[in-house]
Protein backbone atom coordinates (compact mmCIF):
# COMPACT_ATOMS: atom_id res chain seq x y z
CA MET A 1 1.34 -92.96 -39.23
CA ASN A 2 0.87 -89.18 -38.60
CA VAL A 3 -1.81 -87.81 -40.64
CA PRO A 4 -1.58 -84.14 -40.11
CA PHE A 5 2.11 -84.23 -40.97
CA VAL A 6 1.28 -86.17 -44.10
CA ILE A 7 -1.35 -83.66 -45.42
CA THR A 8 0.73 -80.68 -44.40
CA CYS A 9 3.66 -82.25 -46.60
CA LEU A 10 1.02 -82.64 -49.56
CA VAL A 11 0.23 -78.88 -49.13
CA ILE A 12 3.60 -77.63 -49.39
CA ILE A 13 4.61 -80.21 -52.34
CA ALA A 14 1.43 -79.16 -54.08
CA LEU A 15 2.53 -75.23 -53.82
CA LEU A 16 5.79 -76.00 -54.75
CA ILE A 17 4.50 -77.52 -57.82
CA TYR A 18 2.33 -74.77 -58.49
CA THR A 19 4.85 -72.17 -57.95
CA ALA A 20 7.34 -73.98 -60.26
CA TYR A 21 4.58 -74.47 -63.16
CA ARG A 22 3.71 -70.63 -62.89
CA GLN A 23 7.87 -69.92 -62.94
CA THR A 24 7.98 -71.81 -66.01
CA GLN A 25 5.16 -70.21 -67.41
CA ARG A 26 6.58 -66.76 -66.65
CA ILE A 27 9.96 -68.11 -68.25
CA ASN A 28 8.25 -68.63 -71.66
CA GLN A 29 5.94 -65.42 -71.87
CA ARG A 30 9.58 -63.86 -71.63
CA ILE A 31 11.40 -66.01 -74.10
CA ALA A 32 9.01 -65.15 -76.61
CA GLU A 33 8.56 -61.54 -76.00
CA LEU A 34 12.36 -61.87 -76.58
CA ASP A 35 12.06 -63.96 -79.93
CA GLU A 36 9.06 -61.52 -81.37
CA GLU A 37 11.50 -58.35 -79.94
CA ARG A 38 14.45 -60.20 -82.45
CA GLN A 39 12.68 -60.67 -85.38
CA ARG A 40 11.46 -57.25 -85.14
CA ASN A 41 15.15 -55.84 -84.65
CA PRO A 42 17.81 -58.17 -86.06
CA LEU A 43 21.08 -57.79 -84.30
CA ASP A 44 23.62 -56.37 -86.26
CA PRO A 45 27.03 -58.93 -85.56
CA PHE A 46 29.58 -56.21 -86.54
CA SER A 47 28.01 -53.55 -84.23
CA ALA A 48 27.67 -56.20 -81.22
CA LEU A 49 31.35 -57.44 -81.70
CA MET A 50 32.45 -53.27 -81.79
CA GLU A 51 30.40 -52.90 -78.64
CA LEU A 52 31.82 -55.83 -77.08
CA TYR A 53 35.51 -54.37 -78.34
CA ARG A 54 34.57 -51.07 -76.33
CA LEU A 55 33.34 -52.54 -73.18
CA GLN A 56 36.91 -54.81 -73.27
CA GLU A 57 38.82 -51.31 -73.98
CA ASP A 58 36.77 -49.21 -70.78
CA HIS A 59 37.64 -52.53 -68.54
CA ARG A 60 41.13 -52.66 -69.26
CA ARG A 61 41.42 -48.82 -69.06
CA GLY A 62 39.58 -48.96 -65.65
CA LYS A 63 36.21 -47.61 -66.85
CA ARG A 64 33.89 -49.82 -65.25
CA GLU A 65 30.18 -48.59 -65.49
């Protein structure tokens, strides 16, 4: 068995696991921030619907932002 190769692979695997863990923590933190923001400023469904209609009309007319 090639010991340096195995050690190198284990180091790479450990780095990948650490990176995945850090990314998961960042995503969870961002989700928590968005939830807090949403609780402070609840979304008005009617204004959101009007905004979607406006964007749809702009797209039909060729006004892409």
